[in-house]
């Protein structure tokens, strides 16, 4: 263990390597806290050249595994070190520069350790918008791209991969693949960046990315409304699409149980008096001053109330009110993490099947643990409903957690029966590896293994993840 640390110190300097048990403990997992192997050391390069030298060195040493790490906010065990290997955690936290922003070409080039928050702020400072947005603002760009993160704005702007124009990647043997061109059109051979997006650090280490920007919105309207059923939610979504078109940037849904949990943990108050089974947070924006966005949203909500779809609601009259509404939605994952025993999921189904999926999943989990409390929430616009489940009232979290495998399998069965997935935006990692064979064909898995063998024949990079 000391030998590998000494070798890496020669590359990145003394301050770039952590090897004490106390220091390494902060890097040995992500939010899943999945059990894994010991960390021999943590290496923190400052440049792509140093990443290249680190991987070149590690690739010559038997039994070494390199586990790339971003902000540690992952939810699939992707940063968990494997058992039986000499584990080197590669943290890109010191590679956080915004290398360049071109507001005319609408592109920014950032290093992988740059936080999502800092990348967004840099874009805003130039009057531009980075389409990637979710509650994990402290997550790093590299981790977002390695997991193909989703978030609140997928409906409008797409997944993380849809924001990428180019990548800089270090391969397992230390070679650097540089494809940071800002070109929108380039059919010169294979689009290699797609291989690494969503690969969870198993095929190469993303060190920088050229990201697509858009003009910053000049208008933004946020509405929060209560509805009595998911069927009503889907009807409202169809109406919103028809009336607001592509100006819709978010259409989030929250169950009453999920909101109540948020209220209990945060002390926040409900945005309106009527208690409803479901709450929708709708946001629309426009870069044009000429479109009457406020009027369009007002009309949508008013007509939905007249039709009996919406029971109550409010429209933010200020940025402070908008932030308060979003705090409700963003507070749910934190409340889930703080609730002992809560089971998190990352399911997605075709949008028309959302209501039927919810009903079937509720029945399935009740058959495993009667009186458990489903607390789903998520993104209606892309079918990603996090069907989370809380322990029955009075049941200790550790008792409930013993039922996680059976509950997760029940939810998985239901999601797949609707043609869905259990890995919509969080990745496969370690936690969902066994489910992959139920979601991908034998041919697809064989191609994935061929890619892994071609790019990482020694199994150096993040072994045991995905495959």
Protein backbone atom coordinates (compact mmCIF):
# COMPACT_ATOMS: atom_id res chain seq x y z
CA UNK A 1 0.00 0.00 0.00
CA UNK A 2 2.77 2.40 0.91
CA UNK A 3 4.57 1.60 -2.38
CA UNK A 4 1.69 2.72 -4.58
CA UNK A 5 1.29 5.90 -2.54
CA UNK A 6 4.99 6.67 -2.93
CA UNK A 7 4.85 6.10 -6.68
CA UNK A 8 1.88 8.44 -7.04
CA UNK A 9 3.51 11.12 -4.88
CA UNK A 10 6.31 11.24 -7.41
CA UNK A 11 3.70 12.22 -9.99
CA UNK A 12 1.36 14.61 -8.16
CA UNK A 13 3.45 15.74 -5.18
CA UNK A 14 3.00 15.08 -1.48
CA UNK A 15 -0.17 17.19 -1.23
CA UNK A 16 -1.79 15.23 -4.03
CA UNK A 17 -1.88 11.89 -2.24
CA UNK A 18 -3.77 10.99 0.93
CA UNK A 19 -2.95 7.69 2.60
CA UNK A 20 -3.95 7.84 6.27
CA UNK A 21 -6.97 5.80 7.29
CA UNK A 22 -8.74 8.94 8.49
CA UNK A 23 -8.18 10.82 5.24
CA UNK A 24 -9.16 7.88 3.04
CA UNK A 25 -12.37 7.27 4.99
CA UNK A 26 -13.90 10.40 3.45
CA UNK A 27 -13.44 8.93 -0.05
CA UNK A 28 -14.43 5.28 0.39
CA UNK A 29 -18.08 5.49 -0.69
CA UNK A 30 -20.96 7.55 -2.02
CA UNK A 31 -24.41 8.27 -0.57
CA UNK A 32 -25.37 4.57 -0.75
CA UNK A 33 -22.76 3.61 1.87
CA UNK A 34 -22.43 0.25 0.14
CA UNK A 35 -19.92 -2.12 1.79
CA UNK A 36 -16.67 -2.32 -0.12
CA UNK A 37 -12.93 -2.79 0.08
CA UNK A 38 -10.26 -0.74 1.80
CA UNK A 39 -8.72 2.33 0.16
CA UNK A 40 -4.94 2.19 -0.18
CA UNK A 41 -4.67 5.87 -1.04
CA UNK A 42 -6.44 8.79 -2.65
CA UNK A 43 -4.71 10.56 -5.54
CA UNK A 44 -5.76 14.09 -6.45
CA UNK A 45 -4.19 15.23 -9.73
CA UNK A 46 -4.27 18.86 -10.85
CA UNK A 47 -4.13 18.31 -14.61
CA UNK A 48 -4.96 15.91 -17.40
CA UNK A 49 -1.25 15.23 -17.78
CA UNK A 50 -1.10 14.11 -14.16
CA UNK A 51 -4.18 11.89 -14.60
CA UNK A 52 -2.45 10.34 -17.61
CA UNK A 53 0.72 9.67 -15.63
CA UNK A 54 -1.26 8.22 -12.71
CA UNK A 55 -3.11 5.75 -14.92
CA UNK A 56 0.03 4.84 -16.84
CA UNK A 57 1.73 4.00 -13.54
CA UNK A 58 -1.22 2.11 -12.07
CA UNK A 59 -1.66 0.06 -15.24
CA UNK A 60 1.76 -1.54 -14.70
CA UNK A 61 1.09 -2.72 -11.14
CA UNK A 62 -0.71 -6.00 -10.51
CA UNK A 63 -4.04 -6.01 -8.66
CA UNK A 64 -4.42 -2.23 -8.54
CA UNK A 65 -7.91 -0.82 -9.10
CA UNK A 66 -8.57 2.85 -9.86
CA UNK A 67 -11.92 4.12 -8.62
CA UNK A 68 -12.82 7.53 -10.08
CA UNK A 69 -14.65 9.81 -7.69
CA UNK A 70 -16.59 13.01 -8.23
CA UNK A 71 -18.54 14.80 -5.54
CA UNK A 72 -19.55 11.63 -3.68
CA UNK A 73 -23.25 12.25 -4.33
CA UNK A 74 -23.88 9.06 -6.33
CA UNK A 75 -26.86 6.85 -5.55
CA UNK A 76 -25.83 3.55 -7.13
CA UNK A 77 -22.60 2.60 -5.34
CA UNK A 78 -20.49 3.68 -8.30
CA UNK A 79 -17.71 5.01 -6.05
CA UNK A 80 -17.50 1.89 -3.85
CA UNK A 81 -14.03 0.27 -3.89
CA UNK A 82 -14.03 -3.47 -4.72
CA UNK A 83 -12.92 -6.19 -2.33
CA UNK A 84 -9.58 -7.90 -2.82
CA UNK A 85 -7.86 -5.12 -4.78
CA UNK A 86 -5.28 -2.45 -4.00
CA UNK A 87 -7.71 0.43 -4.36
CA UNK A 88 -6.60 3.85 -5.55
CA UNK A 89 -9.36 6.45 -5.43
CA UNK A 90 -8.84 9.02 -8.18
CA UNK A 91 -10.45 12.28 -7.09
CA UNK A 92 -10.73 15.11 -9.60
CA UNK A 93 -11.59 17.69 -6.94
CA UNK A 94 -8.50 19.78 -7.78
CA UNK A 95 -9.38 19.92 -11.49
CA UNK A 96 -12.24 22.38 -11.25
CA UNK A 97 -11.41 25.14 -13.73
CA UNK A 98 -13.77 26.69 -16.22
CA UNK A 99 -11.32 26.71 -19.11
CA UNK A 100 -13.33 28.84 -21.53
CA UNK A 101 -16.79 30.22 -22.29
CA UNK A 102 -17.89 31.27 -25.76
CA UNK A 103 -21.23 33.11 -25.47
CA UNK A 104 -21.44 33.53 -29.24
CA UNK A 105 -20.86 29.87 -30.02
CA UNK A 106 -22.84 28.88 -26.91
CA UNK A 107 -20.24 26.50 -25.51
CA UNK A 108 -18.23 26.26 -22.30
CA UNK A 109 -15.25 24.04 -21.59
CA UNK A 110 -14.92 22.89 -17.99
CA UNK A 111 -12.76 20.44 -16.10
CA UNK A 112 -14.37 17.36 -14.63
CA UNK A 113 -13.95 18.45 -11.01
CA UNK A 114 -15.91 21.66 -11.53
CA UNK A 115 -19.12 21.50 -9.51
CA UNK A 116 -22.46 21.71 -11.25
CA UNK A 117 -23.20 24.85 -9.24
CA UNK A 118 -20.02 26.58 -10.37
CA UNK A 119 -20.55 25.62 -14.00
CA UNK A 120 -24.10 26.96 -13.88
CA UNK A 121 -22.94 30.19 -12.25
CA UNK A 122 -20.22 30.70 -14.87
CA UNK A 123 -22.80 30.29 -17.63
CA UNK A 124 -25.20 32.74 -15.98
CA UNK A 125 -22.42 35.32 -15.67
CA UNK A 126 -22.20 35.29 -19.48
CA UNK A 127 -25.96 35.52 -19.96
CA UNK A 128 -26.20 31.84 -20.79
CA UNK A 129 -27.86 28.73 -19.39
CA UNK A 130 -26.45 25.25 -18.82
CA UNK A 131 -29.37 22.89 -19.34
CA UNK A 132 -28.26 20.34 -16.74
CA UNK A 133 -29.95 21.02 -13.39
CA UNK A 134 -30.81 18.85 -10.39
CA UNK A 135 -30.69 18.91 -6.61
CA UNK A 136 -27.08 17.76 -6.38
CA UNK A 137 -25.46 21.13 -7.06
CA UNK A 138 -22.27 19.99 -5.29
CA UNK A 139 -21.89 17.09 -7.71
CA UNK A 140 -19.08 17.39 -10.21
CA UNK A 141 -19.39 17.68 -13.98
CA UNK A 142 -17.34 14.53 -14.50
CA UNK A 143 -19.64 12.48 -12.31
CA UNK A 144 -22.71 13.91 -14.01
CA UNK A 145 -21.38 12.87 -17.40
CA UNK A 146 -20.09 9.50 -16.23
CA UNK A 147 -23.57 8.61 -14.96
CA UNK A 148 -25.48 10.48 -17.68
CA UNK A 149 -27.36 12.38 -14.99
CA UNK A 150 -30.91 13.57 -15.52
CA UNK A 151 -32.64 16.08 -13.27
CA UNK A 152 -35.43 18.59 -13.37
CA UNK A 153 -34.99 19.96 -16.90
CA UNK A 154 -34.72 16.79 -18.98
CA UNK A 155 -38.12 17.58 -20.48
CA UNK A 156 -36.71 20.76 -22.05
CA UNK A 157 -32.99 20.18 -22.45
CA UNK A 158 -32.41 16.43 -22.28
CA UNK A 159 -30.05 14.27 -20.22
CA UNK A 160 -26.43 15.07 -19.40
CA UNK A 161 -25.20 13.51 -22.66
CA UNK A 162 -27.40 15.95 -24.59
CA UNK A 163 -25.36 18.85 -23.17
CA UNK A 164 -22.03 17.47 -24.41
CA UNK A 165 -20.30 18.64 -27.58
CA UNK A 166 -16.93 17.13 -26.80
CA UNK A 167 -14.85 15.29 -24.20
CA UNK A 168 -11.31 14.90 -23.00
CA UNK A 169 -10.77 11.38 -21.65
CA UNK A 170 -7.78 9.53 -20.24
CA UNK A 171 -7.76 5.84 -21.15
CA UNK A 172 -6.75 3.01 -18.84
CA UNK A 173 -3.18 2.90 -20.16
CA UNK A 174 -2.71 6.66 -19.79
CA UNK A 175 -3.37 7.70 -23.38
CA UNK A 176 -5.31 10.96 -23.70
CA UNK A 177 -8.26 11.10 -26.06
CA UNK A 178 -8.97 14.75 -26.85
CA UNK A 179 -12.25 15.56 -28.58
CA UNK A 180 -13.15 18.99 -27.24
CA UNK A 181 -14.25 20.45 -30.56
CA UNK A 182 -17.30 22.74 -30.24
CA UNK A 183 -18.60 21.67 -33.66
CA UNK A 184 -22.29 20.85 -33.81
CA UNK A 185 -21.80 18.97 -37.07
CA UNK A 186 -18.94 16.51 -37.36
CA UNK A 187 -19.51 13.12 -38.98
CA UNK A 188 -15.82 12.25 -39.22
CA UNK A 189 -15.94 8.66 -38.02
CA UNK A 190 -17.36 7.25 -34.80
CA UNK A 191 -18.72 9.64 -32.19
CA UNK A 192 -16.42 8.31 -29.49
CA UNK A 193 -17.66 10.59 -26.71
CA UNK A 194 -20.89 8.59 -26.53
CA UNK A 195 -18.91 5.54 -25.41
CA UNK A 196 -17.78 7.28 -22.23
CA UNK A 197 -20.97 9.14 -21.35
CA UNK A 198 -22.87 6.97 -18.88
CA UNK A 199 -19.99 4.48 -18.58
CA UNK A 200 -19.47 5.29 -14.87
CA UNK A 201 -15.70 5.53 -15.16
CA UNK A 202 -15.32 1.92 -16.32
CA UNK A 203 -13.94 2.74 -19.79
CA UNK A 204 -11.96 5.93 -19.22
CA UNK A 205 -11.60 8.96 -16.96
CA UNK A 206 -13.38 12.09 -18.18
CA UNK A 207 -11.12 15.06 -17.41
CA UNK A 208 -12.87 17.88 -19.29
CA UNK A 209 -15.94 18.54 -21.40
CA UNK A 210 -17.20 21.03 -23.94
CA UNK A 211 -20.80 21.72 -22.93
CA UNK A 212 -23.66 23.19 -24.91
CA UNK A 213 -25.11 26.49 -23.63
CA UNK A 214 -28.32 28.32 -24.44
CA UNK A 215 -29.51 31.91 -24.07
CA UNK A 216 -30.55 32.60 -20.49
CA UNK A 217 -34.32 32.91 -19.99
CA UNK A 218 -35.67 36.44 -19.80
CA UNK A 219 -38.96 35.23 -18.36
CA UNK A 220 -39.70 32.40 -15.98
CA UNK A 221 -43.03 31.41 -14.42
CA UNK A 222 -43.41 28.81 -11.69
CA UNK A 223 -46.73 27.32 -10.62
CA UNK A 224 -47.52 24.81 -7.88
CA UNK A 225 -50.90 23.05 -8.03
CA UNK A 226 -52.69 20.26 -6.19
CA UNK A 227 -54.50 17.39 -7.90
CA UNK A 228 -56.44 14.38 -6.66
CA UNK A 229 -55.06 11.66 -8.94
CA UNK A 230 -52.19 10.77 -11.22
CA UNK A 231 -54.64 10.54 -14.10
CA UNK A 232 -55.41 14.22 -13.50
CA UNK A 233 -51.67 14.94 -13.40
CA UNK A 234 -51.19 13.32 -16.81
CA UNK A 235 -54.16 15.21 -18.25
CA UNK A 236 -52.71 18.48 -16.96
CA UNK A 237 -49.35 17.57 -18.48
CA UNK A 238 -50.95 17.01 -21.88
CA UNK A 239 -52.74 20.37 -21.62
CA UNK A 240 -49.53 22.12 -20.59
CA UNK A 241 -47.70 20.71 -23.59
CA UNK A 242 -50.46 21.82 -25.92
CA UNK A 243 -50.66 25.36 -24.51
CA UNK A 244 -47.07 26.09 -23.48
CA UNK A 245 -45.15 23.95 -25.95
CA UNK A 246 -41.39 23.84 -25.54
CA UNK A 247 -41.40 26.63 -22.97
CA UNK A 248 -42.03 23.99 -20.27
CA UNK A 249 -38.72 23.35 -18.53
CA UNK A 250 -39.97 21.26 -15.60
CA UNK A 251 -43.08 19.29 -14.68
CA UNK A 252 -42.41 17.69 -11.30
CA UNK A 253 -44.86 15.57 -9.31
CA UNK A 254 -44.84 14.90 -5.57
CA UNK A 255 -47.02 12.50 -3.62
CA UNK A 256 -48.59 13.64 -0.38
CA UNK A 257 -46.41 11.23 1.59
CA UNK A 258 -43.25 12.64 0.02
CA UNK A 259 -44.31 16.23 0.76
CA UNK A 260 -45.33 15.40 4.34
CA UNK A 261 -41.89 13.90 4.90
CA UNK A 262 -40.30 17.08 3.56
CA UNK A 263 -42.49 19.22 5.83
CA UNK A 264 -41.54 17.13 8.87
CA UNK A 265 -37.80 17.40 8.21
CA UNK A 266 -37.53 20.95 6.94
CA UNK A 267 -40.28 22.80 8.78
CA UNK A 268 -41.51 24.23 5.49
CA UNK A 269 -45.18 24.95 5.00
CA UNK A 270 -47.57 23.81 2.29
CA UNK A 271 -47.90 26.33 -0.56
CA UNK A 272 -51.71 26.24 -0.42
CA UNK A 273 -54.41 25.20 2.05
CA UNK A 274 -56.13 22.33 0.25
CA UNK A 275 -54.68 18.89 1.02
CA UNK A 276 -54.35 16.85 -2.18
CA UNK A 277 -52.94 13.44 -3.04
CA UNK A 278 -50.55 14.89 -5.62
CA UNK A 279 -48.77 18.19 -6.13
CA UNK A 280 -47.27 19.38 -9.40
CA UNK A 281 -44.49 21.94 -9.72
CA UNK A 282 -44.57 23.38 -13.23
CA UNK A 283 -41.99 25.78 -14.56
CA UNK A 284 -41.88 27.47 -17.95
CA UNK A 285 -39.34 29.92 -19.32
CA UNK A 286 -38.61 31.88 -22.46
CA UNK A 287 -35.69 33.81 -23.88
CA UNK A 288 -38.16 36.04 -25.74
CA UNK A 289 -39.62 39.23 -24.32
CA UNK A 290 -42.55 39.05 -26.74
CA UNK A 291 -44.23 35.85 -25.55
CA UNK A 292 -46.82 36.44 -22.79
CA UNK A 293 -45.61 33.54 -20.67
CA UNK A 294 -47.32 34.68 -17.47
CA UNK A 295 -50.64 34.98 -19.25
CA UNK A 296 -50.27 31.54 -20.79
CA UNK A 297 -49.54 29.87 -17.43
CA UNK A 298 -52.35 31.81 -15.72
CA UNK A 299 -54.79 30.61 -18.38
CA UNK A 300 -53.57 27.02 -18.12
CA UNK A 301 -54.07 26.91 -14.34
CA UNK A 302 -57.40 28.76 -14.41
CA UNK A 303 -58.86 26.49 -17.08
CA UNK A 304 -57.59 23.39 -15.26
CA UNK A 305 -59.34 24.56 -12.09
CA UNK A 306 -62.57 25.20 -13.99
CA UNK A 307 -62.37 21.71 -15.47
CA UNK A 308 -61.91 20.15 -12.02
CA UNK A 309 -58.40 18.92 -12.72
CA UNK A 310 -56.72 21.23 -10.22
CA UNK A 311 -58.07 21.59 -6.69
CA UNK A 312 -55.85 24.44 -5.54
CA UNK A 313 -52.65 26.17 -6.47
CA UNK A 314 -50.38 29.16 -6.48
CA UNK A 315 -48.12 30.97 -8.94
CA UNK A 316 -44.86 32.45 -7.68
CA UNK A 317 -44.99 36.25 -7.65
CA UNK A 318 -41.27 36.72 -6.94
CA UNK A 319 -37.96 34.92 -7.16
CA UNK A 320 -38.12 34.31 -3.41
CA UNK A 321 -41.48 32.58 -3.80
CA UNK A 322 -40.12 30.55 -6.70
CA UNK A 323 -37.18 29.41 -4.61
CA UNK A 324 -39.54 28.48 -1.77
CA UNK A 325 -41.58 26.28 -4.11
CA UNK A 326 -38.48 24.57 -5.46
CA UNK A 327 -37.24 24.05 -1.89
CA UNK A 328 -40.20 21.74 -1.38
CA UNK A 329 -39.24 19.60 -4.34
CA UNK A 330 -35.52 19.63 -3.60
CA UNK A 331 -36.14 18.92 0.09
CA UNK A 332 -37.66 15.51 -0.60
CA UNK A 333 -34.43 13.60 -1.43
CA UNK A 334 -32.70 15.07 1.63
CA UNK A 335 -35.62 14.07 3.84
CA UNK A 336 -35.50 10.56 2.38
CA UNK A 337 -31.80 10.25 3.16
CA UNK A 338 -32.39 11.44 6.72
CA UNK A 339 -35.22 8.95 7.29
CA UNK A 340 -33.90 5.65 8.71
CA UNK A 341 -34.81 2.70 6.54
CA UNK A 342 -36.27 4.61 3.59
CA UNK A 343 -35.93 2.74 0.29
CA UNK A 344 -34.95 4.84 -2.73
CA UNK A 345 -35.64 3.90 -6.33
CA UNK A 346 -34.88 5.26 -9.79
CA UNK A 347 -37.69 3.82 -11.87
CA UNK A 348 -38.99 5.16 -15.16
CA UNK A 349 -41.86 3.98 -17.33
CA UNK A 350 -43.52 5.30 -20.50
CA UNK A 351 -45.39 8.48 -19.60
CA UNK A 352 -48.89 7.11 -20.36
CA UNK A 353 -48.20 4.21 -17.94
CA UNK A 354 -47.28 6.34 -14.92
CA UNK A 355 -50.65 6.07 -13.14
CA UNK A 356 -50.99 2.33 -13.74
CA UNK A 357 -47.38 1.77 -12.65
CA UNK A 358 -47.98 3.67 -9.41
CA UNK A 359 -51.08 1.62 -8.60
CA UNK A 360 -49.37 -1.69 -9.36
CA UNK A 361 -46.22 -0.77 -7.42
CA UNK A 362 -48.27 0.19 -4.36
CA UNK A 363 -49.98 -3.20 -4.46
CA UNK A 364 -46.65 -5.00 -4.92
CA UNK A 365 -44.84 -3.39 -1.98
CA UNK A 366 -47.86 -3.81 0.30
CA UNK A 367 -47.68 -7.54 -0.39
CA UNK A 368 -44.10 -7.53 0.92
CA UNK A 369 -44.51 -5.18 3.90
CA UNK A 370 -48.13 -4.38 4.79
CA UNK A 371 -48.64 -0.77 5.89
CA UNK A 372 -45.39 0.43 4.34
CA UNK A 373 -45.71 3.99 3.02
CA UNK A 374 -45.06 4.62 -0.68
CA UNK A 375 -43.69 8.15 -1.17
CA UNK A 376 -43.14 8.57 -4.91
CA UNK A 377 -42.00 11.76 -6.59
CA UNK A 378 -40.25 12.63 -9.80
CA UNK A 379 -40.25 13.97 -13.32
CA UNK A 380 -43.50 13.45 -15.22
CA UNK A 381 -42.09 14.85 -18.44
CA UNK A 382 -39.68 11.93 -18.89
CA UNK A 383 -41.55 9.20 -16.99
CA UNK A 384 -38.96 9.07 -14.20
CA UNK A 385 -40.92 8.41 -11.00
CA UNK A 386 -38.78 7.67 -7.96
CA UNK A 387 -41.01 5.10 -6.26
CA UNK A 388 -39.54 5.44 -2.78
CA UNK A 389 -40.96 3.57 0.19
CA UNK A 390 -40.96 4.48 3.89
CA UNK A 391 -41.25 2.08 6.86
CA UNK A 392 -44.68 1.50 8.40
CA UNK A 393 -45.34 3.85 11.33
CA UNK A 394 -43.49 2.58 14.36
CA UNK A 395 -41.23 0.12 12.53
CA UNK A 396 -37.50 0.73 13.17
CA UNK A 397 -35.50 1.59 10.09
CA UNK A 398 -33.08 -1.32 10.48
CA UNK A 399 -35.99 -3.76 10.65
CA UNK A 400 -37.49 -2.31 7.49
CA UNK A 401 -34.15 -2.27 5.68
CA UNK A 402 -33.99 -6.06 5.93
CA UNK A 403 -36.91 -6.08 3.50
CA UNK A 404 -35.14 -3.87 0.96
CA UNK A 405 -34.14 -6.71 -1.42
CA UNK A 406 -37.70 -8.05 -1.61
CA UNK A 407 -39.18 -4.57 -1.94
CA UNK A 408 -36.68 -3.53 -4.60
CA UNK A 409 -37.36 -6.70 -6.57
CA UNK A 410 -41.12 -6.10 -6.35
CA UNK A 411 -40.73 -2.55 -7.68
CA UNK A 412 -38.32 -3.76 -10.35
CA UNK A 413 -40.78 -6.42 -11.52
CA UNK A 414 -43.56 -3.87 -11.86
CA UNK A 415 -41.41 -1.29 -13.66
CA UNK A 416 -40.11 -3.85 -16.15
CA UNK A 417 -43.62 -5.19 -16.76
CA UNK A 418 -44.51 -1.73 -18.09
CA UNK A 419 -41.46 -1.62 -20.35
CA UNK A 420 -39.58 0.56 -17.87
CA UNK A 421 -36.23 0.67 -16.11
CA UNK A 422 -34.86 0.79 -12.57
CA UNK A 423 -31.94 3.00 -13.63
CA UNK A 424 -33.38 6.16 -15.13
CA UNK A 425 -30.76 8.71 -14.09
CA UNK A 426 -28.59 7.41 -11.22
CA UNK A 427 -26.61 4.76 -13.09
CA UNK A 428 -26.12 1.03 -12.51
CA UNK A 429 -23.01 1.10 -10.33
CA UNK A 430 -22.81 -1.73 -7.83
CA UNK A 431 -26.32 -1.54 -6.42
CA UNK A 432 -28.21 -2.34 -9.64
CA UNK A 433 -25.69 -4.53 -11.41
CA UNK A 434 -27.74 -7.70 -10.99
CA UNK A 435 -30.77 -6.02 -12.55
CA UNK A 436 -28.92 -5.07 -15.73
CA UNK A 437 -29.43 -8.47 -17.35
CA UNK A 438 -33.19 -8.02 -17.01
CA UNK A 439 -33.07 -4.68 -18.84
CA UNK A 440 -30.54 -5.43 -21.59
CA UNK A 441 -30.36 -8.30 -24.06
CA UNK A 442 -27.57 -10.86 -24.21
CA UNK A 443 -26.30 -9.18 -27.38
CA UNK A 444 -26.23 -5.76 -25.73
CA UNK A 445 -24.35 -7.14 -22.73
CA UNK A 446 -21.85 -8.89 -25.01
CA UNK A 447 -21.12 -5.62 -26.82
CA UNK A 448 -20.65 -3.87 -23.47
CA UNK A 449 -18.17 -6.54 -22.35
CA UNK A 450 -16.32 -6.24 -25.66
CA UNK A 451 -15.96 -2.49 -25.15
CA UNK A 452 -14.67 -3.02 -21.62
CA UNK A 453 -12.16 -5.62 -22.80
CA UNK A 454 -10.95 -3.40 -25.64
CA UNK A 455 -10.52 -0.23 -23.60
CA UNK A 456 -9.56 -1.71 -20.22
CA UNK A 457 -8.20 -5.24 -20.71
CA UNK A 458 -6.61 -5.34 -17.24
CA UNK A 459 -9.83 -4.37 -15.47
CA UNK A 460 -8.14 -1.35 -13.91
CA UNK A 461 -10.99 1.16 -14.03
CA UNK A 462 -13.81 0.94 -11.49
CA UNK A 463 -14.02 -2.85 -11.54
CA UNK A 464 -17.30 -4.51 -10.61
CA UNK A 465 -19.47 -1.61 -11.73
CA UNK A 466 -22.15 -2.04 -14.42
CA UNK A 467 -20.84 -5.47 -15.54
